[in-house]
Amino acid sequence: MAVTYLKKATKTPETETATAQKVVTEMLHEIETRGEAAVREYASKLDKWTGDLIVSPAEIERRAKEVPASVRADIDFAAKQVFDFAVAQRESLREFSVELYPGVTAGQRVVPVNVVGCYAPAGRYAHIASAYMSVATAKAAGVKTIIACSSPFRGEGIHPYVLYAFKSAGADIVMTLGGVQAIATMAYGLVTGKPADVVVGPGNKFVAEAKRTLFGKVGIDVFAGPSEVAVIADDTADAAIVASDLVGQAEHGHESPAWLFTTSRALAEDVMRRVPELIAALPPIARDAAGSAWRDYGEVVLCDTREEVAEVSDRYASEHLEVHAADLDWWLANLTCYGSLFLGEETTVAFGDKTSGPNHVLPTKGAARYSGGLSVHKFMKTLTWQKMSRQAAHQIGQVTARISRLEGMEAHARTADDRLAKYFPDERFALGDAVTQ
């Protein structure tokens, strides 16, 4: 296998977690111990917010009127795309029952969780897509109560565009809360009295660490890290479009890797020439983020064959994976590790990030080797059930008793013994040697 790094990252995509772990541990302890009082203190200290935590329906309606009609139409369209895709995912799950042995019927129910907490971060700009991605998906799952949180924006409560996105997607309760205190509030059921079964949504390293720490007490979507993009390209690809897409994701942040895997040296060199030019043409904030990301984390990997490219790509297991190459069906059939796959030049990551339908909350830092992204399945529980006749217990009971005793579990065995004695009083069974110690 011939793999050549034309550009090699000087850093790894790991976030610095030690500081975040210490801060989050202290905050979660305070919030769990002191409850809502601690939440309000953190909201005041960290977000400068002392207003109502729950946004009233009247306030949501009032602020929705501040959103231009054209923006509302775009948000409604994108939220419906996400909802419709999630509904299709929901319909792919099915309930069933099957007779496994005469008289032994087992089955599966598909049931949504009861309460979901959805977080949308605030920053320099409105994170509109994050708001409807999680809420619309939970709504499609049939979740009874959807609680949505976002930070105040410039001291004026939740950004009106984010607030409208929550409303459009179907949130039941909206709270003006950000960061660790928002995640903890939803997990512990503070303020609302409704502890979340699952908490989802992107955020900074403190939000990610809070979700990681609380995992087990609540379900979460993914263990989040910096956003990633990889592009697979061959000599049929347009270098200008490939370079644009790499830069388009590198602007996420200083630690966001952008990787190119290709069989064409000419294309690779053309892309490497174009990327710095595109970065230099960005506005200052995006230029700073994308410049650092490409310098420190960007990689260009040259391979001899498409099979080698597929192997390299699966090893990286990128969050977003674009394919600009011939024979897209081959790539769809052979690639196995990615958060979401974008096939063809026409299908850029930005479309998926904002509008096309599949969820944009995806695994990073190699987690796509074993996990998918946020989907309606995250909010659904597949619950098994079973029922059997007395006649079925004739065989099931004997095997259960014998295996239980081989495992040293006498009480288990006796539950089988008792049924066999009751249902078949005239029979004698070989039930294994009783456990004596």
Protein backbone atom coordinates (compact mmCIF):
# COMPACT_ATOMS: atom_id res chain seq x y z
CA MET A 1 0.00 0.00 0.00
CA ALA A 2 1.50 3.33 -1.09
CA VAL A 3 0.29 6.26 1.00
CA THR A 4 2.08 9.61 0.85
CA TYR A 5 1.38 12.60 3.06
CA LEU A 6 1.70 15.73 0.94
CA LYS A 7 0.61 17.68 4.01
CA LYS A 8 0.76 16.26 7.53
CA ALA A 9 -0.98 17.72 10.60
CA THR A 10 1.25 19.09 13.31
CA LYS A 11 -1.42 18.51 15.95
CA THR A 12 -4.03 15.86 16.65
CA PRO A 13 -7.76 16.61 16.70
CA GLU A 14 -7.97 15.95 20.44
CA THR A 15 -9.40 18.77 22.51
CA GLU A 16 -7.80 19.84 25.74
CA THR A 17 -10.03 18.27 28.36
CA ALA A 18 -8.20 18.49 31.68
CA THR A 19 -9.28 22.05 32.47
CA ALA A 20 -12.81 21.42 31.25
CA GLN A 21 -13.13 18.30 33.41
CA LYS A 22 -12.16 20.18 36.56
CA VAL A 23 -14.49 23.11 35.90
CA VAL A 24 -17.43 20.89 34.92
CA THR A 25 -17.02 18.57 37.90
CA GLU A 26 -17.18 21.51 40.29
CA MET A 27 -20.17 23.07 38.54
CA LEU A 28 -22.17 19.84 38.41
CA HIS A 29 -21.52 19.24 42.10
CA GLU A 30 -22.74 22.74 42.96
CA ILE A 31 -25.85 22.40 40.81
CA GLU A 32 -26.72 18.94 42.07
CA THR A 33 -26.22 20.09 45.68
CA ARG A 34 -27.85 23.51 45.57
CA GLY A 35 -30.25 23.14 42.69
CA GLU A 36 -31.91 26.08 40.99
CA ALA A 37 -30.14 28.65 43.14
CA ALA A 38 -26.78 27.53 41.75
CA VAL A 39 -28.16 27.53 38.21
CA ARG A 40 -29.31 31.14 38.57
CA GLU A 41 -25.95 32.16 40.00
CA TYR A 42 -24.10 30.62 37.07
CA ALA A 43 -26.53 32.20 34.60
CA SER A 44 -25.87 35.60 36.15
CA LYS A 45 -22.11 35.14 36.44
CA LEU A 46 -21.36 33.47 33.11
CA ASP A 47 -24.11 34.78 30.81
CA LYS A 48 -25.09 38.00 32.59
CA TRP A 49 -28.69 36.79 32.61
CA THR A 50 -31.00 37.51 35.56
CA GLY A 51 -34.36 37.35 33.75
CA ASP A 52 -36.89 34.54 33.66
CA LEU A 53 -35.38 31.18 32.82
CA ILE A 54 -38.48 29.83 31.08
CA VAL A 55 -39.53 31.80 28.03
CA SER A 56 -43.31 32.24 28.11
CA PRO A 57 -45.45 31.41 25.07
CA ALA A 58 -46.43 35.07 24.86
CA GLU A 59 -42.77 36.12 24.79
CA ILE A 60 -41.99 33.54 22.10
CA GLU A 61 -44.84 34.88 19.97
CA ARG A 62 -43.77 38.47 20.53
CA ARG A 63 -40.18 37.84 19.57
CA ALA A 64 -41.14 35.64 16.63
CA LYS A 65 -42.68 38.74 15.10
CA GLU A 66 -39.20 40.31 15.09
CA VAL A 67 -38.04 37.62 12.65
CA PRO A 68 -38.39 38.69 9.00
CA ALA A 69 -40.89 36.66 7.01
CA SER A 70 -38.20 35.45 4.62
CA VAL A 71 -36.13 34.10 7.54
CA ARG A 72 -39.16 32.38 9.03
CA ALA A 73 -39.85 30.73 5.67
CA ASP A 74 -36.26 29.46 5.40
CA ILE A 75 -36.31 28.08 8.96
CA ASP A 76 -39.70 26.43 8.41
CA PHE A 77 -38.43 24.80 5.20
CA ALA A 78 -35.23 23.48 6.78
CA ALA A 79 -37.00 22.26 9.93
CA LYS A 80 -39.52 20.36 7.80
CA GLN A 81 -36.70 18.71 5.85
CA VAL A 82 -35.19 17.45 9.12
CA PHE A 83 -38.59 16.38 10.46
CA ASP A 84 -39.52 14.50 7.29
CA PHE A 85 -36.23 12.61 7.20
CA ALA A 86 -36.61 11.69 10.87
CA VAL A 87 -40.15 10.45 10.23
CA ALA A 88 -38.77 8.18 7.50
CA GLN A 89 -36.18 6.90 9.98
CA ARG A 90 -38.93 6.29 12.53
CA GLU A 91 -40.88 4.26 9.99
CA SER A 92 -37.83 2.05 9.39
CA LEU A 93 -38.26 0.73 12.93
CA ARG A 94 -40.97 -1.84 13.40
CA GLU A 95 -42.71 -3.70 16.15
CA PHE A 96 -43.06 -7.45 15.78
CA SER A 97 -43.86 -10.69 17.53
CA VAL A 98 -42.56 -14.14 16.68
CA GLU A 99 -43.16 -17.66 17.97
CA LEU A 100 -39.68 -18.93 18.79
CA TYR A 101 -40.80 -22.33 20.08
CA PRO A 102 -44.31 -23.79 20.33
CA GLY A 103 -46.02 -21.69 22.97
CA VAL A 104 -43.14 -19.18 23.35
CA THR A 105 -43.97 -15.80 21.84
CA ALA A 106 -41.53 -12.90 22.02
CA GLY A 107 -41.71 -9.47 20.53
CA GLN A 108 -40.45 -5.91 20.28
CA ARG A 109 -42.09 -2.59 21.00
CA VAL A 110 -40.67 0.72 19.78
CA VAL A 111 -41.36 3.47 22.30
CA PRO A 112 -40.09 7.08 22.46
CA VAL A 113 -38.46 8.38 25.62
CA ASN A 114 -40.64 10.76 27.62
CA VAL A 115 -38.46 13.86 28.03
CA VAL A 116 -35.64 15.19 25.83
CA GLY A 117 -33.37 18.17 26.46
CA CYS A 118 -32.12 19.96 23.33
CA TYR A 119 -29.25 22.44 23.52
CA ALA A 120 -28.34 25.03 20.89
CA PRO A 121 -25.21 27.07 21.59
CA ALA A 122 -24.97 30.81 21.29
CA GLY A 123 -21.83 32.56 20.16
CA ARG A 124 -20.93 35.39 17.86
CA TYR A 125 -23.83 34.40 15.61
CA ALA A 126 -27.14 32.57 15.86
CA HIS A 127 -26.85 28.77 15.74
CA ILE A 128 -30.18 28.38 13.99
CA ALA A 129 -29.65 24.92 12.48
CA SER A 130 -28.63 23.39 15.81
CA ALA A 131 -31.99 24.45 17.22
CA TYR A 132 -34.20 22.68 14.70
CA MET A 133 -31.92 19.69 14.08
CA SER A 134 -32.45 18.25 17.57
CA VAL A 135 -35.98 19.47 18.31
CA ALA A 136 -37.51 18.40 14.98
CA THR A 137 -35.94 14.95 15.30
CA ALA A 138 -37.28 14.46 18.81
CA LYS A 139 -40.68 15.65 17.62
CA ALA A 140 -40.69 13.07 14.83
CA ALA A 141 -39.88 10.38 17.39
CA GLY A 142 -43.03 11.24 19.33
CA VAL A 143 -41.29 12.49 22.48
CA LYS A 144 -43.91 13.83 24.92
CA THR A 145 -41.91 16.74 26.33
CA ILE A 146 -39.12 18.56 24.48
CA ILE A 147 -37.16 21.11 26.51
CA ALA A 148 -34.93 23.47 24.55
CA CYS A 149 -32.16 25.67 25.95
CA SER A 150 -29.92 28.36 24.50
CA SER A 151 -27.80 31.15 25.95
CA PRO A 152 -28.90 34.77 25.99
CA PHE A 153 -27.62 36.70 23.00
CA ARG A 154 -26.09 40.09 23.75
CA GLY A 155 -28.13 40.45 26.92
CA GLU A 156 -31.49 40.25 25.14
CA GLY A 157 -32.56 36.69 25.80
CA ILE A 158 -32.30 33.92 23.23
CA HIS A 159 -31.51 35.13 19.73
CA PRO A 160 -34.89 35.62 17.99
CA TYR A 161 -33.85 33.39 15.06
CA VAL A 162 -32.91 30.54 17.42
CA LEU A 163 -36.08 31.10 19.43
CA TYR A 164 -38.16 30.91 16.26
CA ALA A 165 -36.32 27.75 15.19
CA PHE A 166 -37.22 26.12 18.53
CA LYS A 167 -40.84 27.16 18.02
CA SER A 168 -40.99 26.04 14.39
CA ALA A 169 -39.50 22.63 15.20
CA GLY A 170 -41.96 22.00 18.05
CA ALA A 171 -40.24 22.61 21.40
CA ASP A 172 -42.64 22.39 24.37
CA ILE A 173 -40.57 24.37 26.88
CA VAL A 174 -37.87 26.91 26.01
CA MET A 175 -35.33 28.11 28.57
CA THR A 176 -32.83 30.96 28.47
CA LEU A 177 -29.82 29.03 29.75
CA GLY A 178 -26.41 28.25 28.34
CA GLY A 179 -23.37 26.12 28.98
CA VAL A 180 -22.93 23.56 31.73
CA GLN A 181 -25.80 25.01 33.74
CA ALA A 182 -28.21 24.35 30.86
CA ILE A 183 -27.10 20.74 30.44
CA ALA A 184 -27.32 20.10 34.20
CA THR A 185 -30.70 21.80 34.51
CA MET A 186 -32.19 19.60 31.82
CA ALA A 187 -30.56 16.44 33.18
CA TYR A 188 -31.66 17.05 36.78
CA GLY A 189 -35.10 18.39 35.89
CA LEU A 190 -34.54 21.70 37.64
CA VAL A 191 -36.94 24.60 37.02
CA THR A 192 -39.27 22.47 34.87
CA GLY A 193 -39.59 19.50 37.23
CA LYS A 194 -39.05 17.20 34.24
CA PRO A 195 -35.66 15.41 34.22
CA ALA A 196 -34.55 14.65 30.68
CA ASP A 197 -34.09 11.05 29.61
CA VAL A 198 -31.76 12.16 26.79
CA VAL A 199 -29.79 15.41 26.37
CA VAL A 200 -28.53 16.35 22.91
CA GLY A 201 -26.96 19.22 21.01
CA PRO A 202 -23.53 20.67 20.19
CA GLY A 203 -21.52 23.09 22.31
CA ASN A 204 -18.07 24.07 23.49
CA LYS A 205 -15.67 21.79 25.36
CA PHE A 206 -17.42 22.51 28.67
CA VAL A 207 -20.82 21.51 27.28
CA ALA A 208 -19.26 18.39 25.74
CA GLU A 209 -17.62 17.49 29.04
CA ALA A 210 -20.86 18.05 30.98
CA LYS A 211 -22.67 15.62 28.67
CA ARG A 212 -19.85 13.10 28.95
CA THR A 213 -19.89 13.30 32.75
CA LEU A 214 -23.67 12.96 32.98
CA PHE A 215 -23.82 10.07 30.51
CA GLY A 216 -25.39 7.14 32.32
CA LYS A 217 -27.65 9.36 34.35
CA VAL A 218 -29.04 10.52 31.01
CA GLY A 219 -28.54 9.41 27.44
CA ILE A 220 -26.60 11.70 25.12
CA ASP A 221 -26.21 12.01 21.37
CA VAL A 222 -22.45 11.79 20.75
CA PHE A 223 -19.16 12.47 22.52
CA ALA A 224 -18.47 15.69 20.69
CA GLY A 225 -15.18 17.15 19.51
CA PRO A 226 -14.15 19.74 16.92
CA SER A 227 -15.96 19.52 13.60
CA GLU A 228 -14.17 17.49 10.91
CA VAL A 229 -14.36 17.17 7.14
CA ALA A 230 -12.69 14.77 4.74
CA VAL A 231 -12.92 14.91 0.96
CA ILE A 232 -12.21 11.94 -1.28
CA ALA A 233 -11.30 13.11 -4.79
CA ASP A 234 -9.91 11.60 -7.98
CA ASP A 235 -8.77 13.20 -11.22
CA THR A 236 -12.39 13.90 -12.23
CA ALA A 237 -12.85 16.32 -9.31
CA ASP A 238 -12.91 20.11 -9.56
CA ALA A 239 -10.01 21.38 -7.45
CA ALA A 240 -11.72 24.73 -6.88
CA ILE A 241 -14.82 23.06 -5.42
CA VAL A 242 -12.76 20.65 -3.30
CA ALA A 243 -10.71 23.50 -1.86
CA SER A 244 -13.87 25.52 -1.17
CA ASP A 245 -15.43 22.63 0.75
CA LEU A 246 -12.32 22.05 2.86
CA VAL A 247 -12.24 25.73 3.82
CA GLY A 248 -15.99 25.75 4.33
CA GLN A 249 -15.66 23.34 7.25
CA ALA A 250 -12.32 24.59 8.58
CA GLU A 251 -14.02 27.85 9.55
CA HIS A 252 -15.81 25.96 12.34
CA GLY A 253 -12.87 26.53 14.65
CA HIS A 254 -9.14 26.56 15.27
CA GLU A 255 -9.08 22.79 15.99
CA SER A 256 -11.28 21.62 13.10
CA PRO A 257 -9.41 19.15 10.86
CA ALA A 258 -9.82 19.24 7.06
CA TRP A 259 -8.46 16.21 5.21
CA LEU A 260 -8.07 15.40 1.52
CA PHE A 261 -7.65 11.78 0.37
CA THR A 262 -6.86 11.48 -3.33
CA THR A 263 -5.37 9.36 -6.08
CA SER A 264 -4.33 12.44 -8.08
CA ARG A 265 -1.13 14.31 -7.23
CA ALA A 266 -2.04 17.09 -9.68
CA LEU A 267 -5.37 17.63 -7.98
CA ALA A 268 -3.76 17.55 -4.53
CA GLU A 269 -1.18 20.17 -5.44
CA ASP A 270 -3.85 22.37 -7.04
CA VAL A 271 -6.04 22.15 -3.92
CA MET A 272 -3.08 22.92 -1.63
CA ARG A 273 -2.39 26.04 -3.66
CA ARG A 274 -5.99 27.21 -3.59
CA VAL A 275 -6.82 26.66 0.10
CA PRO A 276 -4.60 29.44 1.53
CA GLU A 277 -5.97 31.85 -1.07
CA LEU A 278 -9.56 31.05 -0.11
CA ILE A 279 -8.76 31.41 3.58
CA ALA A 280 -7.11 34.79 3.01
CA ALA A 281 -10.31 36.04 1.33
CA LEU A 282 -12.54 35.22 4.33
CA PRO A 283 -13.83 37.76 6.90
CA PRO A 284 -11.47 38.18 9.89
CA ILE A 285 -13.09 35.76 12.37
CA ALA A 286 -13.51 32.96 9.82
CA ARG A 287 -10.03 33.66 8.39
CA ASP A 288 -8.45 33.26 11.81
CA ALA A 289 -10.27 30.00 12.57
CA ALA A 290 -9.81 28.40 9.15
CA GLY A 291 -6.19 29.51 8.91
CA SER A 292 -5.25 27.87 12.21
CA ALA A 293 -7.26 24.75 11.45
CA TRP A 294 -5.64 24.21 8.05
CA ARG A 295 -2.14 25.03 9.29
CA ASP A 296 -2.25 22.78 12.38
CA TYR A 297 -4.74 20.03 11.49
CA GLY A 298 -5.07 19.93 7.71
CA GLU A 299 -3.77 16.87 5.87
CA VAL A 300 -3.45 15.79 2.24
CA VAL A 301 -2.99 12.06 1.67
CA LEU A 302 -2.04 10.65 -1.74
CA CYS A 303 -2.87 7.00 -2.50
CA ASP A 304 -2.26 4.74 -5.49
CA THR A 305 -5.73 3.19 -5.73
CA ARG A 306 -9.28 3.89 -4.69
CA GLU A 307 -9.17 0.81 -2.46
CA GLU A 308 -6.30 2.43 -0.55
CA VAL A 309 -8.26 5.67 -0.31
CA ALA A 310 -11.25 3.82 1.14
CA GLU A 311 -9.02 2.11 3.70
CA VAL A 312 -7.41 5.41 4.74
CA SER A 313 -10.80 7.11 4.94
CA ASP A 314 -12.25 4.38 7.15
CA ARG A 315 -9.24 4.70 9.45
CA TYR A 316 -9.84 8.44 9.88
CA ALA A 317 -13.62 7.87 10.31
CA SER A 318 -14.38 11.52 9.67
CA GLU A 319 -17.47 13.31 10.88
CA HIS A 320 -18.34 14.59 7.38
CA LEU A 321 -17.12 12.73 4.30
CA GLU A 322 -17.50 14.06 0.76
CA VAL A 323 -16.81 12.00 -2.36
CA HIS A 324 -15.81 13.85 -5.54
CA ALA A 325 -14.97 10.84 -7.69
CA ALA A 326 -16.23 8.59 -10.45
CA ASP A 327 -18.51 5.62 -9.70
CA LEU A 328 -20.30 6.97 -6.64
CA ASP A 329 -22.12 3.67 -6.14
CA TRP A 330 -18.78 1.94 -5.55
CA TRP A 331 -17.89 4.41 -2.81
CA LEU A 332 -21.31 4.08 -1.18
CA ALA A 333 -20.91 0.30 -1.13
CA ASN A 334 -17.32 0.27 0.17
CA LEU A 335 -16.98 3.12 2.67
CA THR A 336 -17.99 2.08 6.19
CA CYS A 337 -16.76 4.66 8.71
CA TYR A 338 -18.14 8.20 8.59
CA GLY A 339 -20.66 10.36 10.40
CA SER A 340 -22.51 11.35 7.24
CA LEU A 341 -21.64 10.74 3.59
CA PHE A 342 -22.01 13.35 0.84
CA LEU A 343 -21.89 11.77 -2.61
CA GLY A 344 -20.92 13.90 -5.58
CA GLU A 345 -19.86 17.48 -6.16
CA GLU A 346 -23.47 18.64 -5.90
CA THR A 347 -23.78 17.45 -2.28
CA THR A 348 -21.65 19.68 -0.06
CA VAL A 349 -21.44 19.36 3.72
CA ALA A 350 -22.95 22.83 4.15
CA PHE A 351 -26.20 21.56 2.62
CA GLY A 352 -26.31 18.84 5.26
CA ASP A 353 -25.30 21.22 8.03
CA LYS A 354 -28.25 23.48 7.38
CA THR A 355 -31.02 22.22 5.14
CA SER A 356 -31.03 18.89 3.31
CA GLY A 357 -32.57 16.68 6.04
CA PRO A 358 -30.21 14.15 7.69
CA ASN A 359 -29.02 15.33 11.08
CA HIS A 360 -25.85 17.37 11.44
CA VAL A 361 -25.04 16.24 15.01
CA LEU A 362 -22.40 13.62 14.16
CA PRO A 363 -19.59 11.58 15.76
CA THR A 364 -16.07 13.03 15.77
CA LYS A 365 -12.56 11.96 16.83
CA GLY A 366 -12.90 8.49 15.27
CA ALA A 367 -16.21 7.62 16.93
CA ALA A 368 -17.75 6.97 13.50
CA ARG A 369 -15.96 3.61 13.63
CA TYR A 370 -18.64 2.41 16.06
CA SER A 371 -21.39 5.01 16.15
CA GLY A 372 -23.69 7.01 13.92
CA GLY A 373 -24.93 10.53 14.50
CA LEU A 374 -28.06 11.91 16.07
CA SER A 375 -31.18 10.32 14.59
CA VAL A 376 -34.72 9.52 15.57
CA HIS A 377 -33.37 6.22 16.91
CA LYS A 378 -31.59 8.10 19.71
CA PHE A 379 -34.99 9.02 21.12
CA MET A 380 -36.54 5.58 20.70
CA LYS A 381 -36.32 2.53 22.94
CA THR A 382 -36.66 -0.95 21.49
CA LEU A 383 -38.34 -2.84 24.31
CA THR A 384 -38.65 -6.61 24.26
CA TRP A 385 -41.53 -8.64 25.69
CA GLN A 386 -42.32 -12.32 25.98
CA LYS A 387 -45.22 -14.58 26.83
CA MET A 388 -45.49 -18.36 26.95
CA SER A 389 -47.95 -21.16 27.55
CA ARG A 390 -47.72 -23.72 30.34
CA GLN A 391 -46.88 -26.35 27.78
CA ALA A 392 -43.91 -24.27 26.59
CA ALA A 393 -42.58 -24.25 30.15
CA HIS A 394 -42.13 -28.03 29.87
CA GLN A 395 -39.01 -27.54 27.73
CA ILE A 396 -38.00 -24.00 28.68
CA GLY A 397 -38.19 -24.81 32.38
CA GLN A 398 -35.97 -27.88 32.20
CA VAL A 399 -33.23 -26.14 30.25
CA THR A 400 -33.42 -23.05 32.47
CA ALA A 401 -33.07 -25.12 35.66
CA ARG A 402 -30.07 -27.06 34.39
CA ILE A 403 -28.20 -24.03 33.07
CA SER A 404 -28.96 -22.05 36.24
CA ARG A 405 -27.44 -24.77 38.39
CA LEU A 406 -24.38 -25.01 36.17
CA GLU A 407 -23.93 -21.29 36.88
CA GLY A 408 -24.39 -21.78 40.61
CA MET A 409 -27.73 -19.93 40.69
CA GLU A 410 -29.99 -22.19 42.73
CA ALA A 411 -32.76 -19.63 43.31
CA HIS A 412 -33.06 -19.11 39.57
CA ALA A 413 -33.33 -22.87 39.09
CA ARG A 414 -36.04 -23.21 41.72
CA THR A 415 -38.32 -20.72 39.93
CA ALA A 416 -38.27 -23.19 37.04
CA ASP A 417 -38.63 -26.21 39.37
CA ASP A 418 -41.73 -24.71 41.01
CA ARG A 419 -43.50 -24.16 37.71
CA LEU A 420 -42.69 -27.61 36.43
CA ALA A 421 -44.00 -29.13 39.67
CA LYS A 422 -47.21 -27.08 39.44
CA TYR A 423 -47.92 -27.56 35.75
CA PHE A 424 -46.76 -31.20 35.41
CA PRO A 425 -47.23 -32.76 38.87
CA ASP A 426 -47.05 -36.33 37.61
CA GLU A 427 -43.74 -35.97 35.79
CA ARG A 428 -40.18 -36.23 37.00
CA PHE A 429 -37.50 -34.13 35.32
CA ALA A 430 -33.70 -34.14 35.13
CA LEU A 431 -33.08 -30.66 36.50
CA GLY A 432 -29.39 -30.81 37.34
CA ASP A 433 -27.54 -31.13 40.60
CA ALA A 434 -28.71 -28.71 43.27
CA VAL A 435 -26.21 -26.04 44.31
CA THR A 436 -25.06 -26.70 47.88
CA GLN A 437 -22.69 -23.82 48.54
